[in-house]
């Protein structure tokens, strides 16, 4: 594997294996497909602050884990944009 920085390692994997890139479509826990879900269907899994702050959620069809575009979203969006610009 080339480089010790995470971005170098990511580039190496993407260059070697060229997987199809589909950000925000799979669960990071089990790899299941993410599907839009009504907030009422996941409210029992969320902290009150999350419910007050966010309205759009997705849930893993396999394990049920909820996801939302949280406080870290902008940083992740920048990373995804950068990777897609180099490999998409």
N, C-alpha and C. Protein backbone atom coordinates (compact mmCIF):
# COMPACT_ATOMS: atom_id res chain seq x y z
N UNK A 1 0.86 -1.17 0.00
CA UNK A 1 0.00 0.00 0.00
C UNK A 1 0.90 1.23 0.00
N UNK A 2 0.54 2.18 -0.82
CA UNK A 2 1.39 3.36 -0.91
C UNK A 2 1.02 4.39 0.15
N UNK A 3 2.02 5.01 0.72
CA UNK A 3 1.82 6.11 1.65
C UNK A 3 1.33 5.68 3.01
N UNK A 4 1.54 6.57 3.98
CA UNK A 4 1.06 6.30 5.32
C UNK A 4 -0.14 7.19 5.66
N UNK A 5 -0.37 8.23 4.88
CA UNK A 5 -1.52 9.10 5.12
C UNK A 5 -2.79 8.40 4.64
N UNK A 6 -3.88 8.63 5.34
CA UNK A 6 -5.14 7.98 4.99
C UNK A 6 -5.57 8.30 3.56
N UNK A 7 -5.35 9.54 3.10
CA UNK A 7 -5.76 9.88 1.73
C UNK A 7 -4.93 9.13 0.70
N UNK A 8 -3.64 8.93 0.97
CA UNK A 8 -2.80 8.15 0.06
C UNK A 8 -3.27 6.69 0.01
N UNK A 9 -3.61 6.14 1.15
CA UNK A 9 -4.09 4.76 1.20
C UNK A 9 -5.43 4.62 0.49
N UNK A 10 -6.31 5.59 0.69
CA UNK A 10 -7.60 5.57 0.00
C UNK A 10 -7.40 5.63 -1.51
N UNK A 11 -6.54 6.53 -1.96
CA UNK A 11 -6.23 6.62 -3.40
C UNK A 11 -5.69 5.30 -3.93
N UNK A 12 -4.84 4.65 -3.16
CA UNK A 12 -4.27 3.38 -3.58
C UNK A 12 -5.36 2.33 -3.76
N UNK A 13 -6.25 2.21 -2.81
CA UNK A 13 -7.34 1.23 -2.89
C UNK A 13 -8.24 1.54 -4.09
N UNK A 14 -8.60 2.81 -4.25
CA UNK A 14 -9.49 3.17 -5.36
C UNK A 14 -8.82 2.98 -6.71
N UNK A 15 -7.52 3.26 -6.80
CA UNK A 15 -6.80 3.04 -8.05
C UNK A 15 -6.68 1.55 -8.37
N UNK A 16 -6.40 0.73 -7.36
CA UNK A 16 -6.21 -0.71 -7.59
C UNK A 16 -7.49 -1.44 -7.93
N UNK A 17 -8.55 -1.14 -7.18
CA UNK A 17 -9.77 -1.94 -7.30
C UNK A 17 -10.90 -1.25 -8.04
N UNK A 18 -10.84 0.05 -8.18
CA UNK A 18 -11.82 0.86 -8.91
C UNK A 18 -13.28 0.46 -8.61
N UNK A 19 -13.64 0.44 -7.33
CA UNK A 19 -15.03 0.11 -7.02
C UNK A 19 -15.96 1.23 -7.47
N UNK A 20 -17.21 0.90 -7.74
CA UNK A 20 -18.16 1.98 -8.05
C UNK A 20 -18.35 2.84 -6.80
N UNK A 21 -18.31 4.13 -6.97
CA UNK A 21 -18.44 5.04 -5.84
C UNK A 21 -19.88 5.51 -5.73
N UNK A 22 -20.48 5.28 -4.58
CA UNK A 22 -21.87 5.66 -4.33
C UNK A 22 -21.97 6.15 -2.89
N UNK A 23 -21.48 7.37 -2.64
CA UNK A 23 -21.46 7.88 -1.26
C UNK A 23 -22.84 7.94 -0.63
N UNK A 24 -22.86 7.70 0.67
CA UNK A 24 -24.07 7.83 1.48
C UNK A 24 -25.18 6.88 1.07
N UNK A 25 -24.83 5.70 0.55
CA UNK A 25 -25.85 4.75 0.16
C UNK A 25 -25.79 3.44 0.95
N UNK A 26 -24.72 3.25 1.72
CA UNK A 26 -24.54 2.00 2.47
C UNK A 26 -24.27 2.28 3.94
N UNK A 27 -24.71 1.39 4.78
CA UNK A 27 -24.50 1.47 6.22
C UNK A 27 -23.03 1.21 6.54
N UNK A 28 -22.44 2.04 7.39
CA UNK A 28 -21.04 1.84 7.74
C UNK A 28 -20.87 0.68 8.72
N UNK A 29 -21.95 0.21 9.33
CA UNK A 29 -21.88 -0.90 10.27
C UNK A 29 -21.99 -2.25 9.57
N UNK A 30 -23.01 -2.41 8.71
CA UNK A 30 -23.24 -3.73 8.12
C UNK A 30 -23.21 -3.75 6.60
N UNK A 31 -23.15 -2.58 5.96
CA UNK A 31 -23.11 -2.53 4.50
C UNK A 31 -24.48 -2.58 3.84
N UNK A 32 -25.55 -2.59 4.64
CA UNK A 32 -26.89 -2.62 4.08
C UNK A 32 -27.22 -1.33 3.34
N UNK A 33 -28.25 -1.40 2.53
CA UNK A 33 -28.70 -0.25 1.74
C UNK A 33 -29.39 0.76 2.65
N UNK A 34 -29.08 2.06 2.47
CA UNK A 34 -29.74 3.11 3.22
C UNK A 34 -30.98 3.57 2.46
N UNK A 35 -32.07 3.77 3.21
CA UNK A 35 -33.33 4.19 2.63
C UNK A 35 -33.90 5.37 3.40
N UNK A 36 -34.53 6.31 2.72
CA UNK A 36 -35.17 7.42 3.42
C UNK A 36 -36.21 6.88 4.41
N UNK A 37 -36.34 7.58 5.52
CA UNK A 37 -37.28 7.14 6.55
C UNK A 37 -37.92 8.37 7.20
N UNK A 38 -39.14 8.23 7.62
CA UNK A 38 -39.82 9.30 8.33
C UNK A 38 -39.23 9.43 9.73
N UNK A 39 -39.09 10.65 10.19
CA UNK A 39 -38.49 10.90 11.50
C UNK A 39 -39.22 10.14 12.60
N UNK A 40 -40.52 9.99 12.49
CA UNK A 40 -41.28 9.28 13.51
C UNK A 40 -40.87 7.81 13.63
N UNK A 41 -40.36 7.25 12.55
CA UNK A 41 -39.95 5.85 12.56
C UNK A 41 -38.61 5.61 13.24
N UNK A 42 -37.81 6.67 13.43
CA UNK A 42 -36.50 6.51 14.07
C UNK A 42 -36.35 7.36 15.33
N UNK A 43 -37.37 8.13 15.68
CA UNK A 43 -37.28 9.05 16.81
C UNK A 43 -36.84 8.35 18.10
N UNK A 44 -37.31 7.14 18.31
CA UNK A 44 -36.96 6.40 19.54
C UNK A 44 -35.47 6.03 19.59
N UNK A 45 -34.77 6.12 18.48
CA UNK A 45 -33.34 5.79 18.41
C UNK A 45 -32.43 7.01 18.53
N UNK A 46 -33.01 8.20 18.59
CA UNK A 46 -32.24 9.44 18.51
C UNK A 46 -32.27 10.22 19.81
N UNK A 47 -31.23 11.02 20.00
CA UNK A 47 -31.16 11.92 21.15
C UNK A 47 -32.10 13.11 20.92
N UNK A 48 -32.63 13.70 21.99
CA UNK A 48 -33.53 14.85 21.83
C UNK A 48 -32.92 16.00 21.02
N UNK A 49 -31.65 16.28 21.21
CA UNK A 49 -31.00 17.35 20.45
C UNK A 49 -30.97 17.07 18.96
N UNK A 50 -30.78 15.82 18.60
CA UNK A 50 -30.79 15.44 17.19
C UNK A 50 -32.18 15.65 16.60
N UNK A 51 -33.19 15.28 17.35
CA UNK A 51 -34.56 15.46 16.88
C UNK A 51 -34.93 16.93 16.73
N UNK A 52 -34.39 17.78 17.60
CA UNK A 52 -34.67 19.21 17.49
C UNK A 52 -33.93 19.85 16.32
N UNK A 53 -32.79 19.30 15.95
CA UNK A 53 -31.90 19.94 14.98
C UNK A 53 -32.08 19.44 13.55
N UNK A 54 -32.39 18.17 13.37
CA UNK A 54 -32.41 17.58 12.04
C UNK A 54 -33.79 17.03 11.70
N UNK A 55 -34.13 17.04 10.42
CA UNK A 55 -35.44 16.56 9.96
C UNK A 55 -35.33 15.43 8.95
N UNK A 56 -34.20 15.30 8.27
CA UNK A 56 -34.04 14.30 7.22
C UNK A 56 -33.18 13.14 7.72
N UNK A 57 -33.73 11.94 7.61
CA UNK A 57 -33.04 10.76 8.09
C UNK A 57 -33.12 9.64 7.06
N UNK A 58 -32.14 8.76 7.12
CA UNK A 58 -32.17 7.51 6.38
C UNK A 58 -31.92 6.40 7.38
N UNK A 59 -32.29 5.19 7.00
CA UNK A 59 -32.10 4.05 7.90
C UNK A 59 -31.61 2.87 7.09
N UNK A 60 -30.75 2.09 7.70
CA UNK A 60 -30.26 0.88 7.05
C UNK A 60 -31.38 -0.14 6.98
N UNK A 61 -31.60 -0.66 5.77
CA UNK A 61 -32.65 -1.66 5.57
C UNK A 61 -32.31 -2.98 6.24
N UNK A 62 -31.03 -3.22 6.52
CA UNK A 62 -30.62 -4.49 7.11
C UNK A 62 -30.60 -4.44 8.64
N UNK A 63 -29.89 -3.46 9.21
CA UNK A 63 -29.71 -3.45 10.68
C UNK A 63 -30.54 -2.38 11.38
N UNK A 64 -31.14 -1.46 10.63
CA UNK A 64 -32.01 -0.45 11.23
C UNK A 64 -31.32 0.78 11.78
N UNK A 65 -30.00 0.86 11.64
CA UNK A 65 -29.28 2.02 12.17
C UNK A 65 -29.69 3.29 11.42
N UNK A 66 -30.01 4.37 12.17
CA UNK A 66 -30.38 5.62 11.52
C UNK A 66 -29.15 6.49 11.22
N UNK A 67 -29.28 7.29 10.17
CA UNK A 67 -28.23 8.23 9.78
C UNK A 67 -28.88 9.56 9.43
N UNK A 68 -28.10 10.64 9.58
CA UNK A 68 -28.55 11.98 9.21
C UNK A 68 -27.33 12.80 8.86
N UNK A 69 -27.55 13.88 8.17
CA UNK A 69 -26.46 14.77 7.76
C UNK A 69 -26.16 15.69 8.94
N UNK A 70 -25.33 15.22 9.84
CA UNK A 70 -25.08 15.91 11.11
C UNK A 70 -24.01 16.97 11.05
N UNK A 71 -23.52 17.33 12.22
CA UNK A 71 -22.54 18.39 12.35
C UNK A 71 -21.26 18.11 11.56
N UNK A 72 -20.93 16.85 11.38
CA UNK A 72 -19.74 16.46 10.62
C UNK A 72 -19.99 16.42 9.12
N UNK A 73 -21.22 16.70 8.70
CA UNK A 73 -21.62 16.56 7.30
C UNK A 73 -20.81 17.39 6.32
N UNK A 74 -20.52 18.62 6.66
CA UNK A 74 -19.76 19.46 5.73
C UNK A 74 -18.35 18.92 5.50
N UNK A 75 -17.74 18.43 6.56
CA UNK A 75 -16.39 17.87 6.44
C UNK A 75 -16.43 16.61 5.57
N UNK A 76 -17.43 15.77 5.79
CA UNK A 76 -17.57 14.56 4.98
C UNK A 76 -17.89 14.90 3.53
N UNK A 77 -18.75 15.88 3.32
CA UNK A 77 -19.07 16.31 1.95
C UNK A 77 -17.82 16.77 1.20
N UNK A 78 -16.95 17.51 1.90
CA UNK A 78 -15.72 17.98 1.27
C UNK A 78 -14.82 16.80 0.91
N UNK A 79 -14.73 15.82 1.80
CA UNK A 79 -13.92 14.63 1.53
C UNK A 79 -14.48 13.87 0.34
N UNK A 80 -15.79 13.66 0.32
CA UNK A 80 -16.44 12.93 -0.78
C UNK A 80 -16.23 13.67 -2.10
N UNK A 81 -16.41 14.98 -2.09
CA UNK A 81 -16.22 15.79 -3.31
C UNK A 81 -14.79 15.66 -3.81
N UNK A 82 -13.83 15.70 -2.90
CA UNK A 82 -12.42 15.58 -3.26
C UNK A 82 -12.13 14.21 -3.88
N UNK A 83 -12.61 13.16 -3.25
CA UNK A 83 -12.39 11.80 -3.75
C UNK A 83 -13.07 11.61 -5.11
N UNK A 84 -14.32 12.06 -5.22
CA UNK A 84 -15.02 11.91 -6.50
C UNK A 84 -14.34 12.72 -7.60
N UNK A 85 -13.75 13.84 -7.24
CA UNK A 85 -13.03 14.64 -8.23
C UNK A 85 -11.80 13.93 -8.77
N UNK A 86 -11.19 13.09 -7.93
CA UNK A 86 -9.99 12.36 -8.34
C UNK A 86 -10.32 10.98 -8.93
N UNK A 87 -11.43 10.39 -8.50
CA UNK A 87 -11.70 9.00 -8.88
C UNK A 87 -13.08 8.76 -9.46
N UNK A 88 -13.94 9.77 -9.46
CA UNK A 88 -15.34 9.57 -9.88
C UNK A 88 -15.46 9.73 -11.33
